Amino acid sequence: MRNYQLRVYTLSSEEALDRYRTIHYPRHLSSFPKFDIGIHGLWTDSAGEPKLYALLSFPADADLAEITERYLASPELRAEMEGFDTTAIVEVATTQLTPSPGSPLL
């Protein structure tokens, strides 16, 4: 079974959110597999602050912190974020999720 993580990216503005979710985050889809990162969906909501929700997964025996550090330091990420002011990402909150019995993500 994979480890699941919900990441919530809070952006500085609706414009930054729109640019991040339509241009830059989709670029991660090609590089995530190189780092054993799976993506299962992206969502936004219409309440309050501009946020992007991403459901990610990692191999069961993986060190999530190590994978994240490697990805954050990678040339792939730098290329994907080119042209985006990363200071527009105000916060990234992560929640480890455990699938319940019967979950289709098991």
PDB file of N, CA and C in Angstrom:
ATOM      1  N   MET A   1       0.847  -1.183   0.000  1.00  0.00           N
ATOM      2  CA  MET A   1       0.000   0.000   0.000  1.00  0.00           C
ATOM      3  C   MET A   1       0.887   1.240   0.000  1.00  0.00           C
ATOM      4  N   ARG A   2       0.484   2.237  -0.734  1.00  0.00           N
ATOM      5  CA  ARG A   2       1.240   3.483  -0.818  1.00  0.00           C
ATOM      6  C   ARG A   2       0.903   4.387   0.367  1.00  0.00           C
ATOM      7  N   ASN A   3       1.808   5.313   0.656  1.00  0.00           N
ATOM      8  CA  ASN A   3       1.558   6.369   1.639  1.00  0.00           C
ATOM      9  C   ASN A   3       0.902   7.527   0.906  1.00  0.00           C
ATOM     10  N   TYR A   4      -0.142   8.077   1.493  1.00  0.00           N
ATOM     11  CA  TYR A   4      -0.859   9.189   0.870  1.00  0.00           C
ATOM     12  C   TYR A   4      -0.641  10.464   1.660  1.00  0.00           C
ATOM     13  N   GLN A   5      -0.639  11.556   0.938  1.00  0.00           N
ATOM     14  CA  GLN A   5      -0.422  12.849   1.560  1.00  0.00           C
ATOM     15  C   GLN A   5      -1.302  13.880   0.857  1.00  0.00           C
ATOM     16  N   LEU A   6      -1.995  14.660   1.645  1.00  0.00           N
ATOM     17  CA  LEU A   6      -2.755  15.791   1.117  1.00  0.00           C
ATOM     18  C   LEU A   6      -1.914  17.029   1.335  1.00  0.00           C
ATOM     19  N   ARG A   7      -1.633  17.731   0.249  1.00  0.00           N
ATOM     20  CA  ARG A   7      -0.899  18.998   0.346  1.00  0.00           C
ATOM     21  C   ARG A   7      -1.848  20.125  -0.014  1.00  0.00           C
ATOM     22  N   VAL A   8      -1.820  21.145   0.813  1.00  0.00           N
ATOM     23  CA  VAL A   8      -2.656  22.319   0.585  1.00  0.00           C
ATOM     24  C   VAL A   8      -1.718  23.511   0.402  1.00  0.00           C
ATOM     25  N   TYR A   9      -1.741  24.044  -0.806  1.00  0.00           N
ATOM     26  CA  TYR A   9      -0.914  25.199  -1.149  1.00  0.00           C
ATOM     27  C   TYR A   9      -1.773  26.454  -1.033  1.00  0.00           C
ATOM     28  N   THR A  10      -1.373  27.380  -0.184  1.00  0.00           N
ATOM     29  CA  THR A  10      -2.067  28.662  -0.078  1.00  0.00           C
ATOM     30  C   THR A  10      -1.273  29.674  -0.885  1.00  0.00           C
ATOM     31  N   LEU A  11      -1.959  30.319  -1.828  1.00  0.00           N
ATOM     32  CA  LEU A  11      -1.325  31.287  -2.712  1.00  0.00           C
ATOM     33  C   LEU A  11      -1.675  32.713  -2.280  1.00  0.00           C
ATOM     34  N   SER A  12      -0.891  33.655  -2.719  1.00  0.00           N
ATOM     35  CA  SER A  12      -1.057  35.046  -2.311  1.00  0.00           C
ATOM     36  C   SER A  12      -2.241  35.743  -2.977  1.00  0.00           C
ATOM     37  N   SER A  13      -2.706  35.214  -4.097  1.00  0.00           N
ATOM     38  CA  SER A  13      -3.809  35.849  -4.817  1.00  0.00           C
ATOM     39  C   SER A  13      -4.503  34.826  -5.714  1.00  0.00           C
ATOM     40  N   GLU A  14      -5.692  35.174  -6.159  1.00  0.00           N
ATOM     41  CA  GLU A  14      -6.411  34.309  -7.106  1.00  0.00           C
ATOM     42  C   GLU A  14      -5.633  34.188  -8.422  1.00  0.00           C
ATOM     43  N   GLU A  15      -4.989  35.281  -8.819  1.00  0.00           N
ATOM     44  CA  GLU A  15      -4.193  35.260 -10.054  1.00  0.00           C
ATOM     45  C   GLU A  15      -3.027  34.281  -9.926  1.00  0.00           C
ATOM     46  N   ALA A  16      -2.340  34.303  -8.787  1.00  0.00           N
ATOM     47  CA  ALA A  16      -1.228  33.378  -8.560  1.00  0.00           C
ATOM     48  C   ALA A  16      -1.739  31.935  -8.540  1.00  0.00           C
ATOM     49  N   LEU A  17      -2.877  31.714  -7.891  1.00  0.00           N
ATOM     50  CA  LEU A  17      -3.471  30.372  -7.856  1.00  0.00           C
ATOM     51  C   LEU A  17      -3.778  29.891  -9.265  1.00  0.00           C
ATOM     52  N   ASP A  18      -4.396  30.742 -10.059  1.00  0.00           N
ATOM     53  CA  ASP A  18      -4.770  30.346 -11.412  1.00  0.00           C
ATOM     54  C   ASP A  18      -3.538  29.989 -12.241  1.00  0.00           C
ATOM     55  N   ARG A  19      -2.507  30.791 -12.137  1.00  0.00           N
ATOM     56  CA  ARG A  19      -1.270  30.516 -12.882  1.00  0.00           C
ATOM     57  C   ARG A  19      -0.620  29.223 -12.391  1.00  0.00           C
ATOM     58  N   TYR A  20      -0.568  29.025 -11.080  1.00  0.00           N
ATOM     59  CA  TYR A  20       0.064  27.840 -10.519  1.00  0.00           C
ATOM     60  C   TYR A  20      -0.691  26.570 -10.904  1.00  0.00           C
ATOM     61  N   ARG A  21      -2.025  26.603 -10.816  1.00  0.00           N
ATOM     62  CA  ARG A  21      -2.806  25.380 -11.066  1.00  0.00           C
ATOM     63  C   ARG A  21      -2.952  25.052 -12.541  1.00  0.00           C
ATOM     64  N   THR A  22      -2.878  26.052 -13.425  1.00  0.00           N
ATOM     65  CA  THR A  22      -3.079  25.779 -14.854  1.00  0.00           C
ATOM     66  C   THR A  22      -1.787  25.661 -15.656  1.00  0.00           C
ATOM     67  N   ILE A  23      -0.702  26.258 -15.161  1.00  0.00           N
ATOM     68  CA  ILE A  23       0.554  26.243 -15.913  1.00  0.00           C
ATOM     69  C   ILE A  23       1.634  25.428 -15.199  1.00  0.00           C
ATOM     70  N   HIS A  24       1.931  25.798 -13.978  1.00  0.00           N
ATOM     71  CA  HIS A  24       3.113  25.252 -13.318  1.00  0.00           C
ATOM     72  C   HIS A  24       2.888  23.897 -12.649  1.00  0.00           C
ATOM     73  N   TYR A  25       1.798  23.723 -11.906  1.00  0.00           N
ATOM     74  CA  TYR A  25       1.592  22.431 -11.251  1.00  0.00           C
ATOM     75  C   TYR A  25       1.428  21.295 -12.265  1.00  0.00           C
ATOM     76  N   PRO A  26       0.718  21.492 -13.354  1.00  0.00           N
ATOM     77  CA  PRO A  26       0.618  20.399 -14.344  1.00  0.00           C
ATOM     78  C   PRO A  26       1.974  19.950 -14.906  1.00  0.00           C
ATOM     79  N   ARG A  27       2.952  20.818 -14.878  1.00  0.00           N
ATOM     80  CA  ARG A  27       4.293  20.434 -15.337  1.00  0.00           C
ATOM     81  C   ARG A  27       4.904  19.361 -14.440  1.00  0.00           C
ATOM     82  N   HIS A  28       4.494  19.324 -13.171  1.00  0.00           N
ATOM     83  CA  HIS A  28       5.020  18.318 -12.238  1.00  0.00           C
ATOM     84  C   HIS A  28       4.626  16.901 -12.661  1.00  0.00           C
ATOM     85  N   LEU A  29       3.553  16.783 -13.413  1.00  0.00           N
ATOM     86  CA  LEU A  29       3.059  15.449 -13.769  1.00  0.00           C
ATOM     87  C   LEU A  29       4.088  14.621 -14.522  1.00  0.00           C
ATOM     88  N   SER A  30       4.946  15.264 -15.281  1.00  0.00           N
ATOM     89  CA  SER A  30       5.961  14.515 -16.024  1.00  0.00           C
ATOM     90  C   SER A  30       7.170  14.175 -15.160  1.00  0.00           C
ATOM     91  N   SER A  31       7.457  14.953 -14.138  1.00  0.00           N
ATOM     92  CA  SER A  31       8.640  14.678 -13.319  1.00  0.00           C
ATOM     93  C   SER A  31       8.331  13.872 -12.058  1.00  0.00           C
ATOM     94  N   PHE A  32       7.123  13.943 -11.541  1.00  0.00           N
ATOM     95  CA  PHE A  32       6.789  13.204 -10.323  1.00  0.00           C
ATOM     96  C   PHE A  32       7.171  11.723 -10.403  1.00  0.00           C
ATOM     97  N   PRO A  33       6.854  11.017 -11.495  1.00  0.00           N
ATOM     98  CA  PRO A  33       7.203   9.591 -11.546  1.00  0.00           C
ATOM     99  C   PRO A  33       8.703   9.316 -11.370  1.00  0.00           C
ATOM    100  N   LYS A  34       9.560  10.226 -11.792  1.00  0.00           N
ATOM    101  CA  LYS A  34      11.007  10.054 -11.623  1.00  0.00           C
ATOM    102  C   LYS A  34      11.398  10.003 -10.147  1.00  0.00           C
ATOM    103  N   PHE A  35      10.545  10.553  -9.289  1.00  0.00           N
ATOM    104  CA  PHE A  35      10.818  10.616  -7.856  1.00  0.00           C
ATOM    105  C   PHE A  35       9.887   9.692  -7.063  1.00  0.00           C
ATOM    106  N   ASP A  36       9.189   8.796  -7.758  1.00  0.00           N
ATOM    107  CA  ASP A  36       8.220   7.882  -7.140  1.00  0.00           C
ATOM    108  C   ASP A  36       7.087   8.616  -6.445  1.00  0.00           C
ATOM    109  N   ILE A  37       6.692   9.736  -6.998  1.00  0.00           N
ATOM    110  CA  ILE A  37       5.558  10.496  -6.475  1.00  0.00           C
ATOM    111  C   ILE A  37       4.378  10.266  -7.410  1.00  0.00           C
ATOM    112  N   GLY A  38       3.263   9.832  -6.849  1.00  0.00           N
ATOM    113  CA  GLY A  38       2.037   9.687  -7.622  1.00  0.00           C
ATOM    114  C   GLY A  38       1.110  10.850  -7.338  1.00  0.00           C
ATOM    115  N   ILE A  39       0.322  11.234  -8.311  1.00  0.00           N
ATOM    116  CA  ILE A  39      -0.673  12.288  -8.086  1.00  0.00           C
ATOM    117  C   ILE A  39      -2.037  11.724  -8.442  1.00  0.00           C
ATOM    118  N   HIS A  40      -2.999  11.985  -7.564  1.00  0.00           N
ATOM    119  CA  HIS A  40      -4.327  11.396  -7.707  1.00  0.00           C
ATOM    120  C   HIS A  40      -5.420  12.440  -7.894  1.00  0.00           C
ATOM    121  N   GLY A  41      -5.055  13.713  -7.857  1.00  0.00           N
ATOM    122  CA  GLY A  41      -6.042  14.747  -8.113  1.00  0.00           C
ATOM    123  C   GLY A  41      -5.592  16.105  -7.632  1.00  0.00           C
ATOM    124  N   LEU A  42      -6.172  17.129  -8.251  1.00  0.00           N
ATOM    125  CA  LEU A  42      -5.968  18.531  -7.868  1.00  0.00           C
ATOM    126  C   LEU A  42      -7.334  19.168  -7.712  1.00  0.00           C
ATOM    127  N   TRP A  43      -7.490  19.976  -6.669  1.00  0.00           N
ATOM    128  CA  TRP A  43      -8.768  20.636  -6.430  1.00  0.00           C
ATOM    129  C   TRP A  43      -8.533  22.059  -5.948  1.00  0.00           C
ATOM    130  N   THR A  44      -9.533  22.878  -6.165  1.00  0.00           N
ATOM    131  CA  THR A  44      -9.606  24.201  -5.548  1.00  0.00           C
ATOM    132  C   THR A  44     -10.980  24.290  -4.894  1.00  0.00           C
ATOM    133  N   ASP A  45     -11.172  25.323  -4.091  1.00  0.00           N
ATOM    134  CA  ASP A  45     -12.505  25.580  -3.553  1.00  0.00           C
ATOM    135  C   ASP A  45     -12.800  27.065  -3.693  1.00  0.00           C
ATOM    136  N   SER A  46     -14.000  27.434  -3.433  1.00  0.00           N
ATOM    137  CA  SER A  46     -14.390  28.832  -3.626  1.00  0.00           C
ATOM    138  C   SER A  46     -14.501  29.588  -2.309  1.00  0.00           C
ATOM    139  N   ALA A  47     -14.035  28.980  -1.240  1.00  0.00           N
ATOM    140  CA  ALA A  47     -14.165  29.605   0.075  1.00  0.00           C
ATOM    141  C   ALA A  47     -12.842  30.217   0.525  1.00  0.00           C
ATOM    142  N   GLY A  48     -12.903  31.478   0.889  1.00  0.00           N
ATOM    143  CA  GLY A  48     -11.752  32.107   1.535  1.00  0.00           C
ATOM    144  C   GLY A  48     -10.516  32.259   0.683  1.00  0.00           C
ATOM    145  N   GLU A  49      -9.377  31.894   1.281  1.00  0.00           N
ATOM    146  CA  GLU A  49      -8.079  32.092   0.652  1.00  0.00           C
ATOM    147  C   GLU A  49      -7.904  31.226  -0.605  1.00  0.00           C
ATOM    148  N   PRO A  50      -7.086  31.705  -1.553  1.00  0.00           N
ATOM    149  CA  PRO A  50      -6.823  30.906  -2.756  1.00  0.00           C
ATOM    150  C   PRO A  50      -5.942  29.709  -2.415  1.00  0.00           C
ATOM    151  N   LYS A  51      -6.499  28.504  -2.579  1.00  0.00           N
ATOM    152  CA  LYS A  51      -5.781  27.282  -2.215  1.00  0.00           C
ATOM    153  C   LYS A  51      -5.886  26.245  -3.320  1.00  0.00           C
ATOM    154  N   LEU A  52      -4.813  25.476  -3.437  1.00  0.00           N
ATOM    155  CA  LEU A  52      -4.784  24.329  -4.325  1.00  0.00           C
ATOM    156  C   LEU A  52      -4.546  23.101  -3.462  1.00  0.00           C
ATOM    157  N   TYR A  53      -5.392  22.092  -3.633  1.00  0.00           N
ATOM    158  CA  TYR A  53      -5.296  20.843  -2.886  1.00  0.00           C
ATOM    159  C   TYR A  53      -4.777  19.771  -3.834  1.00  0.00           C
ATOM    160  N   ALA A  54      -3.752  19.036  -3.399  1.00  0.00           N
ATOM    161  CA  ALA A  54      -3.184  17.967  -4.217  1.00  0.00           C
ATOM    162  C   ALA A  54      -3.103  16.697  -3.385  1.00  0.00           C
ATOM    163  N   LEU A  55      -3.620  15.597  -3.934  1.00  0.00           N
ATOM    164  CA  LEU A  55      -3.507  14.300  -3.281  1.00  0.00           C
ATOM    165  C   LEU A  55      -2.357  13.551  -3.943  1.00  0.00           C
ATOM    166  N   LEU A  56      -1.303  13.297  -3.152  1.00  0.00           N
ATOM    167  CA  LEU A  56      -0.099  12.638  -3.646  1.00  0.00           C
ATOM    168  C   LEU A  56       0.062  11.286  -2.974  1.00  0.00           C
ATOM    169  N   SER A  57       0.874  10.426  -3.588  1.00  0.00           N
ATOM    170  CA  SER A  57       1.215   9.157  -2.946  1.00  0.00           C
ATOM    171  C   SER A  57       2.682   8.847  -3.176  1.00  0.00           C
ATOM    172  N   PHE A  58       3.194   8.014  -2.264  1.00  0.00           N
ATOM    173  CA  PHE A  58       4.597   7.617  -2.261  1.00  0.00           C
ATOM    174  C   PHE A  58       4.670   6.119  -1.977  1.00  0.00           C
ATOM    175  N   PRO A  59       5.752   5.448  -2.374  1.00  0.00           N
ATOM    176  CA  PRO A  59       5.873   4.023  -2.066  1.00  0.00           C
ATOM    177  C   PRO A  59       5.751   3.769  -0.560  1.00  0.00           C
ATOM    178  N   ALA A  60       5.238   2.596  -0.206  1.00  0.00           N
ATOM    179  CA  ALA A  60       4.962   2.258   1.195  1.00  0.00           C
ATOM    180  C   ALA A  60       6.187   2.370   2.085  1.00  0.00           C
ATOM    181  N   ASP A  61       7.343   1.987   1.581  1.00  0.00           N
ATOM    182  CA  ASP A  61       8.544   1.979   2.412  1.00  0.00           C
ATOM    183  C   ASP A  61       9.410   3.232   2.214  1.00  0.00           C
ATOM    184  N   ALA A  62       8.870   4.241   1.578  1.00  0.00           N
ATOM    185  CA  ALA A  62       9.648   5.431   1.226  1.00  0.00           C
ATOM    186  C   ALA A  62       9.824   6.376   2.411  1.00  0.00           C
ATOM    187  N   ASP A  63      10.920   7.101   2.358  1.00  0.00           N
ATOM    188  CA  ASP A  63      11.165   8.193   3.288  1.00  0.00           C
ATOM    189  C   ASP A  63      10.623   9.452   2.600  1.00  0.00           C
ATOM    190  N   LEU A  64       9.422   9.876   2.985  1.00  0.00           N
ATOM    191  CA  LEU A  64       8.752  10.984   2.305  1.00  0.00           C
ATOM    192  C   LEU A  64       9.552  12.273   2.383  1.00  0.00           C
ATOM    193  N   ALA A  65      10.202  12.515   3.514  1.00  0.00           N
ATOM    194  CA  ALA A  65      11.010  13.724   3.661  1.00  0.00           C
ATOM    195  C   ALA A  65      12.184  13.708   2.686  1.00  0.00           C
ATOM    196  N   GLU A  66      12.812  12.550   2.523  1.00  0.00           N
ATOM    197  CA  GLU A  66      13.949  12.440   1.613  1.00  0.00           C
ATOM    198  C   GLU A  66      13.513  12.646   0.167  1.00  0.00           C
ATOM    199  N   ILE A  67      12.396  12.030  -0.217  1.00  0.00           N
ATOM    200  CA  ILE A  67      11.885  12.212  -1.579  1.00  0.00           C
ATOM    201  C   ILE A  67      11.554  13.676  -1.822  1.00  0.00           C
ATOM    202  N   THR A  68      10.896  14.294  -0.862  1.00  0.00           N
ATOM    203  CA  THR A  68      10.523  15.704  -0.997  1.00  0.00           C
ATOM    204  C   THR A  68      11.763  16.576  -1.124  1.00  0.00           C
ATOM    205  N   GLU A  69      12.770  16.335  -0.302  1.00  0.00           N
ATOM    206  CA  GLU A  69      14.010  17.122  -0.375  1.00  0.00           C
ATOM    207  C   GLU A  69      14.686  16.970  -1.732  1.00  0.00           C
ATOM    208  N   ARG A  70      14.763  15.719  -2.236  1.00  0.00           N
ATOM    209  CA  ARG A  70      15.376  15.489  -3.554  1.00  0.00           C
ATOM    210  C   ARG A  70      14.607  16.233  -4.641  1.00  0.00           C
ATOM    211  N   TYR A  71      13.278  16.183  -4.566  1.00  0.00           N
ATOM    212  CA  TYR A  71      12.465  16.847  -5.577  1.00  0.00           C
ATOM    213  C   TYR A  71      12.626  18.366  -5.506  1.00  0.00           C
ATOM    214  N   LEU A  72      12.606  18.909  -4.296  1.00  0.00           N
ATOM    215  CA  LEU A  72      12.736  20.362  -4.141  1.00  0.00           C
ATOM    216  C   LEU A  72      14.086  20.877  -4.628  1.00  0.00           C
ATOM    217  N   ALA A  73      15.118  20.035  -4.576  1.00  0.00           N
ATOM    218  CA  ALA A  73      16.453  20.437  -5.019  1.00  0.00           C
ATOM    219  C   ALA A  73      16.722  20.088  -6.481  1.00  0.00           C
ATOM    220  N   SER A  74      15.762  19.520  -7.165  1.00  0.00           N
ATOM    221  CA  SER A  74      15.992  18.993  -8.511  1.00  0.00           C
ATOM    222  C   SER A  74      15.952  20.056  -9.607  1.00  0.00           C
ATOM    223  N   PRO A  75      16.689  19.812 -10.682  1.00  0.00           N
ATOM    224  CA  PRO A  75      16.614  20.695 -11.848  1.00  0.00           C
ATOM    225  C   PRO A  75      15.237  20.608 -12.510  1.00  0.00           C
ATOM    226  N   GLU A  76      14.557  19.466 -12.346  1.00  0.00           N
ATOM    227  CA  GLU A  76      13.212  19.325 -12.913  1.00  0.00           C
ATOM    228  C   GLU A  76      12.264  20.350 -12.304  1.00  0.00           C
ATOM    229  N   LEU A  77      12.293  20.462 -10.979  1.00  0.00           N
ATOM    230  CA  LEU A  77      11.411  21.429 -10.320  1.00  0.00           C
ATOM    231  C   LEU A  77      11.762  22.850 -10.727  1.00  0.00           C
ATOM    232  N   ARG A  78      13.046  23.158 -10.759  1.00  0.00           N
ATOM    233  CA  ARG A  78      13.444  24.518 -11.164  1.00  0.00           C
ATOM    234  C   ARG A  78      12.899  24.851 -12.552  1.00  0.00           C
ATOM    235  N   ALA A  79      12.983  23.904 -13.481  1.00  0.00           N
ATOM    236  CA  ALA A  79      12.480  24.136 -14.839  1.00  0.00           C
ATOM    237  C   ALA A  79      10.961  24.309 -14.842  1.00  0.00           C
ATOM    238  N   GLU A  80      10.269  23.498 -14.059  1.00  0.00           N
ATOM    239  CA  GLU A  80       8.802  23.563 -14.019  1.00  0.00           C
ATOM    240  C   GLU A  80       8.292  24.876 -13.424  1.00  0.00           C
ATOM    241  N   MET A  81       9.055  25.451 -12.519  1.00  0.00           N
ATOM    242  CA  MET A  81       8.622  26.670 -11.845  1.00  0.00           C
ATOM    243  C   MET A  81       9.141  27.939 -12.520  1.00  0.00           C
ATOM    244  N   GLU A  82       9.897  27.777 -13.585  1.00  0.00           N
ATOM    245  CA  GLU A  82      10.434  28.943 -14.293  1.00  0.00           C
ATOM    246  C   GLU A  82       9.296  29.876 -14.709  1.00  0.00           C
ATOM    247  N   GLY A  83       9.460  31.149 -14.388  1.00  0.00           N
ATOM    248  CA  GLY A  83       8.453  32.143 -14.738  1.00  0.00           C
ATOM    249  C   GLY A  83       7.383  32.330 -13.676  1.00  0.00           C
ATOM    250  N   PHE A  84       7.489  31.595 -12.560  1.00  0.00           N
ATOM    251  CA  PHE A  84       6.511  31.736 -11.472  1.00  0.00           C
ATOM    252  C   PHE A  84       7.233  32.288 -10.253  1.00  0.00           C
ATOM    253  N   ASP A  85       6.664  33.308  -9.644  1.00  0.00           N
ATOM    254  CA  ASP A  85       7.230  33.889  -8.426  1.00  0.00           C
ATOM    255  C   ASP A  85       6.872  32.978  -7.260  1.00  0.00           C
ATOM    256  N   THR A  86       7.829  32.165  -6.815  1.00  0.00           N
ATOM    257  CA  THR A  86       7.541  31.185  -5.771  1.00  0.00           C
ATOM    258  C   THR A  86       7.194  31.816  -4.429  1.00  0.00           C
ATOM    259  N   THR A  87       7.473  33.106  -4.260  1.00  0.00           N
ATOM    260  CA  THR A  87       7.038  33.765  -3.021  1.00  0.00           C
ATOM    261  C   THR A  87       5.524  33.917  -2.984  1.00  0.00           C
ATOM    262  N   ALA A  88       4.860  33.670  -4.116  1.00  0.00           N
ATOM    263  CA  ALA A  88       3.393  33.705  -4.157  1.00  0.00           C
ATOM    264  C   ALA A  88       2.790  32.480  -3.466  1.00  0.00           C
ATOM    265  N   ILE A  89       3.616  31.458  -3.187  1.00  0.00           N
ATOM    266  CA  ILE A  89       3.160  30.316  -2.393  1.00  0.00           C
ATOM    267  C   ILE A  89       3.403  30.683  -0.938  1.00  0.00           C
ATOM    268  N   VAL A  90       2.350  31.057  -0.263  1.00  0.00           N
ATOM    269  CA  VAL A  90       2.429  31.582   1.098  1.00  0.00           C
ATOM    270  C   VAL A  90       2.657  30.469   2.115  1.00  0.00           C
ATOM    271  N   GLU A  91       2.038  29.313   1.877  1.00  0.00           N
ATOM    272  CA  GLU A  91       2.138  28.203   2.821  1.00  0.00           C
ATOM    273  C   GLU A  91       1.868  26.890   2.092  1.00  0.00           C
ATOM    274  N   VAL A  92       2.523  25.839   2.560  1.00  0.00           N
ATOM    275  CA  VAL A  92       2.223  24.480   2.107  1.00  0.00           C
ATOM    276  C   VAL A  92       1.994  23.652   3.364  1.00  0.00           C
ATOM    277  N   ALA A  93       0.777  23.174   3.528  1.00  0.00           N
ATOM    278  CA  ALA A  93       0.434  22.326   4.667  1.00  0.00           C
ATOM    279  C   ALA A  93       0.301  20.889   4.169  1.00  0.00           C
ATOM    280  N   THR A  94       0.840  19.946   4.920  1.00  0.00           N
ATOM    281  CA  THR A  94       0.751  18.544   4.534  1.00  0.00           C
ATOM    282  C   THR A  94       0.064  17.740   5.625  1.00  0.00           C
ATOM    283  N   THR A  95      -0.739  16.781   5.185  1.00  0.00           N
ATOM    284  CA  THR A  95      -1.424  15.862   6.088  1.00  0.00           C
ATOM    285  C   THR A  95      -1.191  14.452   5.577  1.00  0.00           C
ATOM    286  N   GLN A  96      -0.648  13.596   6.436  1.00  0.00           N
ATOM    287  CA  GLN A  96      -0.487  12.188   6.094  1.00  0.00           C
ATOM    288  C   GLN A  96      -1.851  11.523   6.208  1.00  0.00           C
ATOM    289  N   LEU A  97      -2.227  10.741   5.202  1.00  0.00           N
ATOM    290  CA  LEU A  97      -3.517  10.079   5.170  1.00  0.00           C
ATOM    291  C   LEU A  97      -3.329   8.568   5.141  1.00  0.00           C
ATOM    292  N   THR A  98      -4.173   7.859   5.855  1.00  0.00           N
ATOM    293  CA  THR A  98      -4.160   6.398   5.857  1.00  0.00           C
ATOM    294  C   THR A  98      -5.480   5.932   5.258  1.00  0.00           C
ATOM    295  N   PRO A  99      -5.437   5.196   4.136  1.00  0.00           N
ATOM    296  CA  PRO A  99      -6.698   4.711   3.549  1.00  0.00           C
ATOM    297  C   PRO A  99      -7.430   3.791   4.517  1.00  0.00           C
ATOM    298  N   SER A 100      -8.716   3.946   4.592  1.00  0.00           N
ATOM    299  CA  SER A 100      -9.556   3.080   5.404  1.00  0.00           C
ATOM    300  C   SER A 100      -9.850   1.797   4.634  1.00  0.00           C
ATOM    301  N   PRO A 101     -10.154   0.721   5.355  1.00  0.00           N
ATOM    302  CA  PRO A 101     -10.526  -0.519   4.652  1.00  0.00           C
ATOM    303  C   PRO A 101     -11.656  -0.244   3.652  1.00  0.00           C
ATOM    304  N   GLY A 102     -11.534  -0.813   2.482  1.00  0.00           N
ATOM    305  CA  GLY A 102     -12.524  -0.608   1.443  1.00  0.00           C
ATOM    306  C   GLY A 102     -12.249   0.585   0.547  1.00  0.00           C
ATOM    307  N   SER A 103     -11.232   1.376   0.868  1.00  0.00           N
ATOM    308  CA  SER A 103     -10.902   2.546   0.048  1.00  0.00           C
ATOM    309  C   SER A 103     -10.432   2.086  -1.324  1.00  0.00           C
ATOM    310  N   PRO A 104     -10.872   2.743  -2.390  1.00  0.00           N
ATOM    311  CA  PRO A 104     -10.403   2.366  -3.724  1.00  0.00           C
ATOM    312  C   PRO A 104      -8.931   2.698  -3.944  1.00  0.00           C
ATOM    313  N   LEU A 105      -8.331   3.448  -3.049  1.00  0.00           N
ATOM    314  CA  LEU A 105      -6.908   3.807  -3.200  1.00  0.00           C
ATOM    315  C   LEU A 105      -5.989   2.816  -2.511  1.00  0.00           C
ATOM    316  N   LEU A 106      -6.503   1.739  -1.963  1.00  0.00           N
ATOM    317  CA  LEU A 106      -5.637   0.745  -1.308  1.00  0.00           C
ATOM    318  C   LEU A 106      -4.739   0.076  -2.310  1.00  0.00           C
TER     319      LEU A 106
END
